[in-house]
């Protein structure tokens, strides 16, 4: 089996944050969150990276991120295109929103050549997440077993607004259900979610959540491809302009059909990200603290 690949979802323009947050510096040396992800991934053992970007950001992304990564990794660039749909389907009139994390990952079907991890470009996951993923993927001996790094909800929320998280149910170390909650708000050490903006339902701070940090056997690409048309049939007629093909949807479908297992890799790390501009100060101070503690050098992969 080929060595693990790392797939980084970097096509989003950061609509809520405003601007291209994938390349926003978070330390005095010009590093972005993705630089810390690449550093942690390299230390864990990853040597091939597939960046999923959009044509519109290609020049800036390569200049600020890609060319430096190419010094250390085998790098491929893949483009998430709204018009990349199965035969017989077309983009609904007026649709500008991308098709979601499942579609973005599927864009890399021809670039990935082994078991692969998937992360977001603008999320800080912490070193142990990459260590756990690389170990799992390196030891994988069947193509239909997958993994998800689970975080405690309390370590993934922000004071500055709502977040979207995959709320997980776990039995005997395996994922049994994940539901995408697109509006979760912080409530002290806990949280609460709403579907309508009026009624909120409490969530314990201990609740395991998905931060889109996955480890997949290569068969997942075929599953994403196979299940996409049926998803389009169901969702285009309901919400043609905004429906999204999320990775958790496919994970759930595999579980329910007994066609795959998803092992939970528990993570004690704290998530950091810039969902909103106001989050930036917290991220900058967290990185400065970790560097002072010796977790990161001043120069990483420059």
C-alpha atoms as a PDB file:
ATOM      1  CA  UNK A   1       0.000   0.000   0.000  1.00  0.00           C
ATOM      2  CA  UNK A   2       1.334   3.446  -0.880  1.00  0.00           C
ATOM      3  CA  UNK A   3       2.339   5.853   1.853  1.00  0.00           C
ATOM      4  CA  UNK A   4      -0.290   8.155   3.371  1.00  0.00           C
ATOM      5  CA  UNK A   5      -1.230  11.319   1.501  1.00  0.00           C
ATOM      6  CA  UNK A   6      -2.389  14.543   3.122  1.00  0.00           C
ATOM      7  CA  UNK A   7      -5.301  16.313   1.413  1.00  0.00           C
ATOM      8  CA  UNK A   8      -5.761  19.945   2.439  1.00  0.00           C
ATOM      9  CA  UNK A   9      -9.048  21.687   1.663  1.00  0.00           C
ATOM     10  CA  UNK A  10      -8.046  25.234   0.799  1.00  0.00           C
ATOM     11  CA  UNK A  11     -10.600  26.340  -1.797  1.00  0.00           C
ATOM     12  CA  UNK A  12     -12.716  28.464   0.568  1.00  0.00           C
ATOM     13  CA  UNK A  13     -12.288  32.202   0.476  1.00  0.00           C
ATOM     14  CA  UNK A  14     -13.291  32.656   4.111  1.00  0.00           C
ATOM     15  CA  UNK A  15     -16.632  34.382   3.604  1.00  0.00           C
ATOM     16  CA  UNK A  16     -17.387  34.901   7.295  1.00  0.00           C
ATOM     17  CA  UNK A  17     -13.824  35.944   8.153  1.00  0.00           C
ATOM     18  CA  UNK A  18     -13.498  38.186   5.119  1.00  0.00           C
ATOM     19  CA  UNK A  19     -10.512  37.700   2.854  1.00  0.00           C
ATOM     20  CA  UNK A  20      -8.180  34.835   2.093  1.00  0.00           C
ATOM     21  CA  UNK A  21      -7.640  33.507   5.616  1.00  0.00           C
ATOM     22  CA  UNK A  22      -5.572  30.574   4.349  1.00  0.00           C
ATOM     23  CA  UNK A  23      -2.596  32.944   3.962  1.00  0.00           C
ATOM     24  CA  UNK A  24      -3.232  35.394   6.817  1.00  0.00           C
ATOM     25  CA  UNK A  25      -0.077  35.572   9.015  1.00  0.00           C
ATOM     26  CA  UNK A  26      -0.558  34.603  12.664  1.00  0.00           C
ATOM     27  CA  UNK A  27       2.987  35.209  13.923  1.00  0.00           C
ATOM     28  CA  UNK A  28       5.753  37.814  13.433  1.00  0.00           C
ATOM     29  CA  UNK A  29       7.494  35.554  10.908  1.00  0.00           C
ATOM     30  CA  UNK A  30       4.671  35.545   8.362  1.00  0.00           C
ATOM     31  CA  UNK A  31       3.414  32.024   9.027  1.00  0.00           C
ATOM     32  CA  UNK A  32      -0.257  31.172   8.479  1.00  0.00           C
ATOM     33  CA  UNK A  33      -2.172  28.389  10.250  1.00  0.00           C
ATOM     34  CA  UNK A  34      -1.514  26.095   7.298  1.00  0.00           C
ATOM     35  CA  UNK A  35       2.256  26.440   7.887  1.00  0.00           C
ATOM     36  CA  UNK A  36       1.842  24.953  11.347  1.00  0.00           C
ATOM     37  CA  UNK A  37      -0.306  22.160   9.897  1.00  0.00           C
ATOM     38  CA  UNK A  38       2.354  21.349   7.312  1.00  0.00           C
ATOM     39  CA  UNK A  39       5.091  21.410   9.958  1.00  0.00           C
ATOM     40  CA  UNK A  40       3.130  19.070  12.239  1.00  0.00           C
ATOM     41  CA  UNK A  41       2.246  16.775   9.327  1.00  0.00           C
ATOM     42  CA  UNK A  42       5.885  16.561   8.206  1.00  0.00           C
ATOM     43  CA  UNK A  43       7.037  15.721  11.740  1.00  0.00           C
ATOM     44  CA  UNK A  44       4.380  12.989  11.861  1.00  0.00           C
ATOM     45  CA  UNK A  45       5.667  11.404   8.641  1.00  0.00           C
ATOM     46  CA  UNK A  46       3.558  12.764   5.765  1.00  0.00           C
ATOM     47  CA  UNK A  47       5.530  13.426   2.583  1.00  0.00           C
ATOM     48  CA  UNK A  48       2.850  13.948  -0.074  1.00  0.00           C
ATOM     49  CA  UNK A  49       0.369  16.833   0.034  1.00  0.00           C
ATOM     50  CA  UNK A  50      -2.574  17.502  -2.270  1.00  0.00           C
ATOM     51  CA  UNK A  51      -3.819  21.090  -2.049  1.00  0.00           C
ATOM     52  CA  UNK A  52      -7.413  21.611  -3.155  1.00  0.00           C
ATOM     53  CA  UNK A  53      -7.755  25.235  -4.253  1.00  0.00           C
ATOM     54  CA  UNK A  54      -9.720  27.394  -6.682  1.00  0.00           C
ATOM     55  CA  UNK A  55      -8.266  28.889  -9.843  1.00  0.00           C
ATOM     56  CA  UNK A  56      -8.997  32.374  -8.496  1.00  0.00           C
ATOM     57  CA  UNK A  57      -6.562  31.993  -5.590  1.00  0.00           C
ATOM     58  CA  UNK A  58      -3.916  29.911  -7.361  1.00  0.00           C
ATOM     59  CA  UNK A  59      -1.300  32.641  -7.793  1.00  0.00           C
ATOM     60  CA  UNK A  60      -1.471  33.912  -4.206  1.00  0.00           C
ATOM     61  CA  UNK A  61      -1.721  30.436  -2.721  1.00  0.00           C
ATOM     62  CA  UNK A  62       1.327  29.123  -4.550  1.00  0.00           C
ATOM     63  CA  UNK A  63       3.344  32.229  -3.773  1.00  0.00           C
ATOM     64  CA  UNK A  64       2.598  32.253  -0.051  1.00  0.00           C
ATOM     65  CA  UNK A  65       2.180  28.530   0.685  1.00  0.00           C
ATOM     66  CA  UNK A  66       2.735  26.128  -2.184  1.00  0.00           C
ATOM     67  CA  UNK A  67       6.257  26.919  -3.323  1.00  0.00           C
ATOM     68  CA  UNK A  68       7.642  26.618   0.217  1.00  0.00           C
ATOM     69  CA  UNK A  69       5.799  23.329   0.773  1.00  0.00           C
ATOM     70  CA  UNK A  70       7.321  21.969  -2.430  1.00  0.00           C
ATOM     71  CA  UNK A  71      10.763  22.055  -0.771  1.00  0.00           C
ATOM     72  CA  UNK A  72       9.670  19.367   1.687  1.00  0.00           C
ATOM     73  CA  UNK A  73       6.717  17.515   0.166  1.00  0.00           C
ATOM     74  CA  UNK A  74       5.659  15.984  -3.093  1.00  0.00           C
ATOM     75  CA  UNK A  75       2.940  18.507  -3.916  1.00  0.00           C
ATOM     76  CA  UNK A  76      -0.047  18.339  -6.245  1.00  0.00           C
ATOM     77  CA  UNK A  77      -2.647  21.043  -6.862  1.00  0.00           C
ATOM     78  CA  UNK A  78      -6.279  20.176  -7.548  1.00  0.00           C
ATOM     79  CA  UNK A  79      -9.015  22.659  -8.395  1.00  0.00           C
ATOM     80  CA  UNK A  80     -12.486  22.556  -6.932  1.00  0.00           C
ATOM     81  CA  UNK A  81     -14.808  23.577  -9.749  1.00  0.00           C
ATOM     82  CA  UNK A  82     -18.522  24.205  -9.313  1.00  0.00           C
ATOM     83  CA  UNK A  83     -19.145  22.682 -12.747  1.00  0.00           C
ATOM     84  CA  UNK A  84     -17.380  19.424 -11.873  1.00  0.00           C
ATOM     85  CA  UNK A  85     -20.544  17.329 -11.672  1.00  0.00           C
ATOM     86  CA  UNK A  86     -21.538  13.822 -12.788  1.00  0.00           C
ATOM     87  CA  UNK A  87     -22.701  13.409 -16.370  1.00  0.00           C
ATOM     88  CA  UNK A  88     -26.245  14.637 -16.837  1.00  0.00           C
ATOM     89  CA  UNK A  89     -26.103  17.273 -14.066  1.00  0.00           C
ATOM     90  CA  UNK A  90     -25.569  21.013 -14.375  1.00  0.00           C
ATOM     91  CA  UNK A  91     -25.041  23.919 -12.014  1.00  0.00           C
ATOM     92  CA  UNK A  92     -28.378  25.460 -10.971  1.00  0.00           C
ATOM     93  CA  UNK A  93     -28.900  28.985 -12.257  1.00  0.00           C
ATOM     94  CA  UNK A  94     -27.645  31.474  -9.671  1.00  0.00           C
ATOM     95  CA  UNK A  95     -25.540  28.939  -7.739  1.00  0.00           C
ATOM     96  CA  UNK A  96     -22.157  30.314  -6.599  1.00  0.00           C
ATOM     97  CA  UNK A  97     -21.652  28.353  -3.371  1.00  0.00           C
ATOM     98  CA  UNK A  98     -19.193  25.417  -3.591  1.00  0.00           C
ATOM     99  CA  UNK A  99     -20.608  21.903  -3.216  1.00  0.00           C
ATOM    100  CA  UNK A 100     -19.036  21.209   0.186  1.00  0.00           C
ATOM    101  CA  UNK A 101     -16.240  19.148   1.725  1.00  0.00           C
ATOM    102  CA  UNK A 102     -17.302  15.868   0.125  1.00  0.00           C
ATOM    103  CA  UNK A 103     -17.192  17.388  -3.351  1.00  0.00           C
ATOM    104  CA  UNK A 104     -13.893  19.142  -2.590  1.00  0.00           C
ATOM    105  CA  UNK A 105     -12.300  15.875  -1.494  1.00  0.00           C
ATOM    106  CA  UNK A 106     -13.668  14.081  -4.544  1.00  0.00           C
ATOM    107  CA  UNK A 107     -11.873  16.653  -6.696  1.00  0.00           C
ATOM    108  CA  UNK A 108      -8.607  14.940  -5.682  1.00  0.00           C
ATOM    109  CA  UNK A 109      -9.622  11.478  -6.909  1.00  0.00           C
ATOM    110  CA  UNK A 110      -6.919  11.405  -9.599  1.00  0.00           C
ATOM    111  CA  UNK A 111      -4.185  12.900  -7.401  1.00  0.00           C
ATOM    112  CA  UNK A 112      -4.422  10.663  -4.333  1.00  0.00           C
ATOM    113  CA  UNK A 113      -2.510   7.390  -4.635  1.00  0.00           C
ATOM    114  CA  UNK A 114      -2.827   5.847  -1.179  1.00  0.00           C
ATOM    115  CA  UNK A 115      -4.689   6.086   2.123  1.00  0.00           C
ATOM    116  CA  UNK A 116      -5.202   9.741   2.876  1.00  0.00           C
ATOM    117  CA  UNK A 117      -5.900  12.261   5.595  1.00  0.00           C
ATOM    118  CA  UNK A 118      -8.202  15.237   5.018  1.00  0.00           C
ATOM    119  CA  UNK A 119      -7.931  18.542   6.891  1.00  0.00           C
ATOM    120  CA  UNK A 120      -9.099  22.128   6.506  1.00  0.00           C
ATOM    121  CA  UNK A 121      -6.451  24.672   5.538  1.00  0.00           C
ATOM    122  CA  UNK A 122      -7.617  27.195   8.113  1.00  0.00           C
ATOM    123  CA  UNK A 123      -7.891  24.995  11.212  1.00  0.00           C
ATOM    124  CA  UNK A 124      -5.120  24.353  13.724  1.00  0.00           C
ATOM    125  CA  UNK A 125      -5.400  20.717  14.837  1.00  0.00           C
ATOM    126  CA  UNK A 126      -2.251  20.194  16.940  1.00  0.00           C
ATOM    127  CA  UNK A 127       0.698  17.772  16.556  1.00  0.00           C
ATOM    128  CA  UNK A 128      -0.942  14.726  18.118  1.00  0.00           C
ATOM    129  CA  UNK A 129      -3.762  14.775  15.538  1.00  0.00           C
ATOM    130  CA  UNK A 130      -1.274  14.222  12.710  1.00  0.00           C
ATOM    131  CA  UNK A 131       0.644  11.616  14.683  1.00  0.00           C
ATOM    132  CA  UNK A 132      -2.563   9.641  15.269  1.00  0.00           C
ATOM    133  CA  UNK A 133      -3.640   9.938  11.619  1.00  0.00           C
ATOM    134  CA  UNK A 134      -0.269   8.926  10.203  1.00  0.00           C
ATOM    135  CA  UNK A 135      -0.032   5.927  12.525  1.00  0.00           C
ATOM    136  CA  UNK A 136      -3.559   4.802  11.613  1.00  0.00           C
ATOM    137  CA  UNK A 137      -3.049   5.207   7.876  1.00  0.00           C
ATOM    138  CA  UNK A 138       0.392   3.582   7.915  1.00  0.00           C
ATOM    139  CA  UNK A 139      -0.962   0.503   9.668  1.00  0.00           C
ATOM    140  CA  UNK A 140      -4.168   0.269   7.609  1.00  0.00           C
ATOM    141  CA  UNK A 141      -4.597  -3.244   6.209  1.00  0.00           C
ATOM    142  CA  UNK A 142      -8.113  -3.031   4.773  1.00  0.00           C
ATOM    143  CA  UNK A 143      -9.396  -0.390   2.395  1.00  0.00           C
ATOM    144  CA  UNK A 144     -12.822   0.088   3.951  1.00  0.00           C
ATOM    145  CA  UNK A 145     -11.697   1.077   7.450  1.00  0.00           C
ATOM    146  CA  UNK A 146     -11.436   4.778   8.097  1.00  0.00           C
ATOM    147  CA  UNK A 147     -10.839   7.115  11.032  1.00  0.00           C
ATOM    148  CA  UNK A 148     -11.889  10.461  12.411  1.00  0.00           C
ATOM    149  CA  UNK A 149     -10.026  12.613  14.904  1.00  0.00           C
ATOM    150  CA  UNK A 150     -12.579  13.681  17.519  1.00  0.00           C
ATOM    151  CA  UNK A 151     -12.273  16.828  19.596  1.00  0.00           C
ATOM    152  CA  UNK A 152     -14.124  17.867  22.749  1.00  0.00           C
ATOM    153  CA  UNK A 153     -16.742  20.466  21.842  1.00  0.00           C
ATOM    154  CA  UNK A 154     -15.531  22.890  24.520  1.00  0.00           C
ATOM    155  CA  UNK A 155     -12.134  23.040  22.811  1.00  0.00           C
ATOM    156  CA  UNK A 156     -13.570  23.944  19.411  1.00  0.00           C
ATOM    157  CA  UNK A 157     -15.947  26.879  19.966  1.00  0.00           C
ATOM    158  CA  UNK A 158     -15.423  30.630  19.807  1.00  0.00           C
ATOM    159  CA  UNK A 159     -16.715  33.550  21.841  1.00  0.00           C
ATOM    160  CA  UNK A 160     -17.286  35.519  18.644  1.00  0.00           C
ATOM    161  CA  UNK A 161     -20.190  33.734  16.970  1.00  0.00           C
ATOM    162  CA  UNK A 162     -21.612  30.389  15.965  1.00  0.00           C
ATOM    163  CA  UNK A 163     -19.666  27.496  14.448  1.00  0.00           C
ATOM    164  CA  UNK A 164     -20.556  24.421  12.418  1.00  0.00           C
ATOM    165  CA  UNK A 165     -19.488  21.078  13.869  1.00  0.00           C
ATOM    166  CA  UNK A 166     -20.235  17.426  13.228  1.00  0.00           C
ATOM    167  CA  UNK A 167     -21.735  16.143  16.481  1.00  0.00           C
ATOM    168  CA  UNK A 168     -20.711  12.518  16.970  1.00  0.00           C
ATOM    169  CA  UNK A 169     -22.024   9.410  18.665  1.00  0.00           C
ATOM    170  CA  UNK A 170     -19.393   6.825  19.547  1.00  0.00           C
ATOM    171  CA  UNK A 171     -19.671   3.190  20.619  1.00  0.00           C
ATOM    172  CA  UNK A 172     -16.729   0.905  21.436  1.00  0.00           C
ATOM    173  CA  UNK A 173     -14.292   3.289  19.821  1.00  0.00           C
ATOM    174  CA  UNK A 174     -16.149   3.583  16.510  1.00  0.00           C
ATOM    175  CA  UNK A 175     -18.346   6.300  15.066  1.00  0.00           C
ATOM    176  CA  UNK A 176     -22.020   5.318  14.934  1.00  0.00           C
ATOM    177  CA  UNK A 177     -23.528   8.628  13.867  1.00  0.00           C
ATOM    178  CA  UNK A 178     -22.458  12.165  12.999  1.00  0.00           C
ATOM    179  CA  UNK A 179     -24.895  15.031  12.505  1.00  0.00           C
ATOM    180  CA  UNK A 180     -23.761  18.319  11.013  1.00  0.00           C
ATOM    181  CA  UNK A 181     -24.942  21.149  13.263  1.00  0.00           C
ATOM    182  CA  UNK A 182     -24.382  24.353  11.347  1.00  0.00           C
ATOM    183  CA  UNK A 183     -25.054  26.772  14.218  1.00  0.00           C
ATOM    184  CA  UNK A 184     -23.494  25.934  17.575  1.00  0.00           C
ATOM    185  CA  UNK A 185     -22.909  28.688  20.128  1.00  0.00           C
ATOM    186  CA  UNK A 186     -20.709  28.687  23.213  1.00  0.00           C
ATOM    187  CA  UNK A 187     -22.430  28.446  26.603  1.00  0.00           C
ATOM    188  CA  UNK A 188     -19.724  28.655  29.257  1.00  0.00           C
ATOM    189  CA  UNK A 189     -17.853  25.325  29.140  1.00  0.00           C
ATOM    190  CA  UNK A 190     -20.684  23.816  27.116  1.00  0.00           C
ATOM    191  CA  UNK A 191     -22.588  24.683  23.961  1.00  0.00           C
ATOM    192  CA  UNK A 192     -26.030  24.818  22.378  1.00  0.00           C
ATOM    193  CA  UNK A 193     -27.229  24.384  18.820  1.00  0.00           C
ATOM    194  CA  UNK A 194     -30.198  25.722  16.910  1.00  0.00           C
ATOM    195  CA  UNK A 195     -31.836  24.913  13.605  1.00  0.00           C
ATOM    196  CA  UNK A 196     -34.119  27.941  13.421  1.00  0.00           C
ATOM    197  CA  UNK A 197     -32.264  30.632  15.394  1.00  0.00           C
ATOM    198  CA  UNK A 198     -34.964  30.598  18.084  1.00  0.00           C
ATOM    199  CA  UNK A 199     -34.911  27.262  19.908  1.00  0.00           C
ATOM    200  CA  UNK A 200     -31.550  26.120  21.314  1.00  0.00           C
ATOM    201  CA  UNK A 201     -30.667  22.605  22.433  1.00  0.00           C
ATOM    202  CA  UNK A 202     -27.861  22.078  24.980  1.00  0.00           C
ATOM    203  CA  UNK A 203     -24.665  20.177  24.166  1.00  0.00           C
ATOM    204  CA  UNK A 204     -22.185  19.054  26.807  1.00  0.00           C
ATOM    205  CA  UNK A 205     -18.669  20.404  26.505  1.00  0.00           C
ATOM    206  CA  UNK A 206     -17.478  16.783  26.517  1.00  0.00           C
ATOM    207  CA  UNK A 207     -19.401  15.991  23.319  1.00  0.00           C
ATOM    208  CA  UNK A 208     -17.071  14.564  20.663  1.00  0.00           C
ATOM    209  CA  UNK A 209     -17.193  16.611  17.479  1.00  0.00           C
ATOM    210  CA  UNK A 210     -15.735  16.358  14.000  1.00  0.00           C
ATOM    211  CA  UNK A 211     -13.408  19.147  12.921  1.00  0.00           C
ATOM    212  CA  UNK A 212     -13.090  17.704   9.419  1.00  0.00           C
ATOM    213  CA  UNK A 213      -9.932  15.820  10.367  1.00  0.00           C
ATOM    214  CA  UNK A 214     -10.235  12.408   8.727  1.00  0.00           C
ATOM    215  CA  UNK A 215      -8.181   9.386   7.762  1.00  0.00           C
ATOM    216  CA  UNK A 216      -9.544   7.386   4.821  1.00  0.00           C
ATOM    217  CA  UNK A 217      -8.724   4.196   3.009  1.00  0.00           C
ATOM    218  CA  UNK A 218      -8.452   4.767  -0.731  1.00  0.00           C
ATOM    219  CA  UNK A 219     -11.915   3.264  -1.254  1.00  0.00           C
ATOM    220  CA  UNK A 220     -13.445   6.456   0.165  1.00  0.00           C
ATOM    221  CA  UNK A 221     -12.852   8.229  -3.140  1.00  0.00           C
ATOM    222  CA  UNK A 222     -15.047   5.708  -4.945  1.00  0.00           C
ATOM    223  CA  UNK A 223     -17.676   6.006  -2.210  1.00  0.00           C
ATOM    224  CA  UNK A 224     -17.733   9.787  -2.621  1.00  0.00           C
ATOM    225  CA  UNK A 225     -18.099   9.387  -6.374  1.00  0.00           C
ATOM    226  CA  UNK A 226     -20.729   6.655  -6.163  1.00  0.00           C
ATOM    227  CA  UNK A 227     -22.976   8.465  -3.673  1.00  0.00           C
ATOM    228  CA  UNK A 228     -22.814  11.951  -5.193  1.00  0.00           C
ATOM    229  CA  UNK A 229     -25.520  11.552  -7.898  1.00  0.00           C
ATOM    230  CA  UNK A 230     -28.121  10.255  -5.442  1.00  0.00           C
ATOM    231  CA  UNK A 231     -27.288  13.108  -3.079  1.00  0.00           C
ATOM    232  CA  UNK A 232     -27.750  15.604  -5.913  1.00  0.00           C
ATOM    233  CA  UNK A 233     -31.104  14.061  -6.828  1.00  0.00           C
ATOM    234  CA  UNK A 234     -32.327  14.435  -3.255  1.00  0.00           C
ATOM    235  CA  UNK A 235     -30.973  17.879  -2.445  1.00  0.00           C
ATOM    236  CA  UNK A 236     -31.059  19.917  -5.648  1.00  0.00           C
ATOM    237  CA  UNK A 237     -34.838  20.041  -5.672  1.00  0.00           C
ATOM    238  CA  UNK A 238     -34.943  21.159  -2.013  1.00  0.00           C
ATOM    239  CA  UNK A 239     -32.102  23.675  -1.774  1.00  0.00           C
ATOM    240  CA  UNK A 240     -30.463  24.117  -5.193  1.00  0.00           C
ATOM    241  CA  UNK A 241     -28.411  27.204  -4.337  1.00  0.00           C
ATOM    242  CA  UNK A 242     -26.945  26.276  -0.953  1.00  0.00           C
ATOM    243  CA  UNK A 243     -27.020  22.498  -0.340  1.00  0.00           C
ATOM    244  CA  UNK A 244     -23.587  21.025   0.491  1.00  0.00           C
ATOM    245  CA  UNK A 245     -22.184  17.517   0.099  1.00  0.00           C
ATOM    246  CA  UNK A 246     -20.451  17.153   3.472  1.00  0.00           C
ATOM    247  CA  UNK A 247     -17.963  14.393   4.284  1.00  0.00           C
ATOM    248  CA  UNK A 248     -19.991  13.381   7.384  1.00  0.00           C
ATOM    249  CA  UNK A 249     -22.969  12.563   5.103  1.00  0.00           C
ATOM    250  CA  UNK A 250     -20.905   9.933   3.320  1.00  0.00           C
ATOM    251  CA  UNK A 251     -19.397   8.683   6.579  1.00  0.00           C
ATOM    252  CA  UNK A 252     -22.893   8.170   7.959  1.00  0.00           C
ATOM    253  CA  UNK A 253     -24.060   6.412   4.816  1.00  0.00           C
ATOM    254  CA  UNK A 254     -21.177   3.939   5.038  1.00  0.00           C
ATOM    255  CA  UNK A 255     -21.900   3.215   8.682  1.00  0.00           C
ATOM    256  CA  UNK A 256     -25.636   2.752   8.183  1.00  0.00           C
ATOM    257  CA  UNK A 257     -25.077   0.425   5.219  1.00  0.00           C
ATOM    258  CA  UNK A 258     -22.427  -1.604   7.085  1.00  0.00           C
ATOM    259  CA  UNK A 259     -20.056  -0.884   4.205  1.00  0.00           C
ATOM    260  CA  UNK A 260     -17.263   0.583   6.291  1.00  0.00           C
ATOM    261  CA  UNK A 261     -16.095   1.386   9.801  1.00  0.00           C
ATOM    262  CA  UNK A 262     -14.818   4.683  11.149  1.00  0.00           C
ATOM    263  CA  UNK A 263     -12.509   4.433  14.126  1.00  0.00           C
ATOM    264  CA  UNK A 264     -12.459   7.352  16.542  1.00  0.00           C
ATOM    265  CA  UNK A 265      -9.048   8.804  17.308  1.00  0.00           C
ATOM    266  CA  UNK A 266      -9.602  10.870  20.452  1.00  0.00           C
ATOM    267  CA  UNK A 267      -7.658  14.105  20.598  1.00  0.00           C
ATOM    268  CA  UNK A 268      -6.955  16.249  23.643  1.00  0.00           C
ATOM    269  CA  UNK A 269      -5.694  19.177  21.559  1.00  0.00           C
ATOM    270  CA  UNK A 270      -7.409  22.554  21.507  1.00  0.00           C
ATOM    271  CA  UNK A 271      -8.646  23.694  18.105  1.00  0.00           C
ATOM    272  CA  UNK A 272      -7.742  27.154  16.922  1.00  0.00           C
ATOM    273  CA  UNK A 273      -9.102  28.914  13.884  1.00  0.00           C
ATOM    274  CA  UNK A 274     -10.190  32.245  12.482  1.00  0.00           C
ATOM    275  CA  UNK A 275     -13.848  31.714  11.744  1.00  0.00           C
ATOM    276  CA  UNK A 276     -14.342  35.424  12.500  1.00  0.00           C
ATOM    277  CA  UNK A 277     -11.930  38.373  12.384  1.00  0.00           C
ATOM    278  CA  UNK A 278     -12.272  38.704  16.137  1.00  0.00           C
ATOM    279  CA  UNK A 279     -10.775  35.204  16.576  1.00  0.00           C
ATOM    280  CA  UNK A 280      -7.413  36.343  15.251  1.00  0.00           C
ATOM    281  CA  UNK A 281      -6.143  37.750  18.545  1.00  0.00           C
ATOM    282  CA  UNK A 282      -6.792  34.447  20.329  1.00  0.00           C
ATOM    283  CA  UNK A 283      -4.994  32.445  17.633  1.00  0.00           C
ATOM    284  CA  UNK A 284      -1.980  34.759  17.625  1.00  0.00           C
ATOM    285  CA  UNK A 285      -1.623  34.580  21.416  1.00  0.00           C
ATOM    286  CA  UNK A 286      -2.024  30.777  21.438  1.00  0.00           C
ATOM    287  CA  UNK A 287       0.701  30.330  18.826  1.00  0.00           C
ATOM    288  CA  UNK A 288       2.992  32.734  20.700  1.00  0.00           C
ATOM    289  CA  UNK A 289       2.450  30.743  23.894  1.00  0.00           C
ATOM    290  CA  UNK A 290       3.189  27.420  22.202  1.00  0.00           C
ATOM    291  CA  UNK A 291       6.330  28.817  20.623  1.00  0.00           C
ATOM    292  CA  UNK A 292       7.471  30.136  24.027  1.00  0.00           C
ATOM    293  CA  UNK A 293       6.925  26.621  25.390  1.00  0.00           C
ATOM    294  CA  UNK A 294       9.240  25.243  22.719  1.00  0.00           C
ATOM    295  CA  UNK A 295       6.580  23.459  20.631  1.00  0.00           C
ATOM    296  CA  UNK A 296       7.526  25.359  17.468  1.00  0.00           C
ATOM    297  CA  UNK A 297      10.759  26.980  16.320  1.00  0.00           C
ATOM    298  CA  UNK A 298      10.897  30.471  14.858  1.00  0.00           C
ATOM    299  CA  UNK A 299      11.693  29.065  11.431  1.00  0.00           C
ATOM    300  CA  UNK A 300       9.692  26.012  10.463  1.00  0.00           C
ATOM    301  CA  UNK A 301       9.546  25.196   6.749  1.00  0.00           C
ATOM    302  CA  UNK A 302      10.795  28.417   5.192  1.00  0.00           C
END
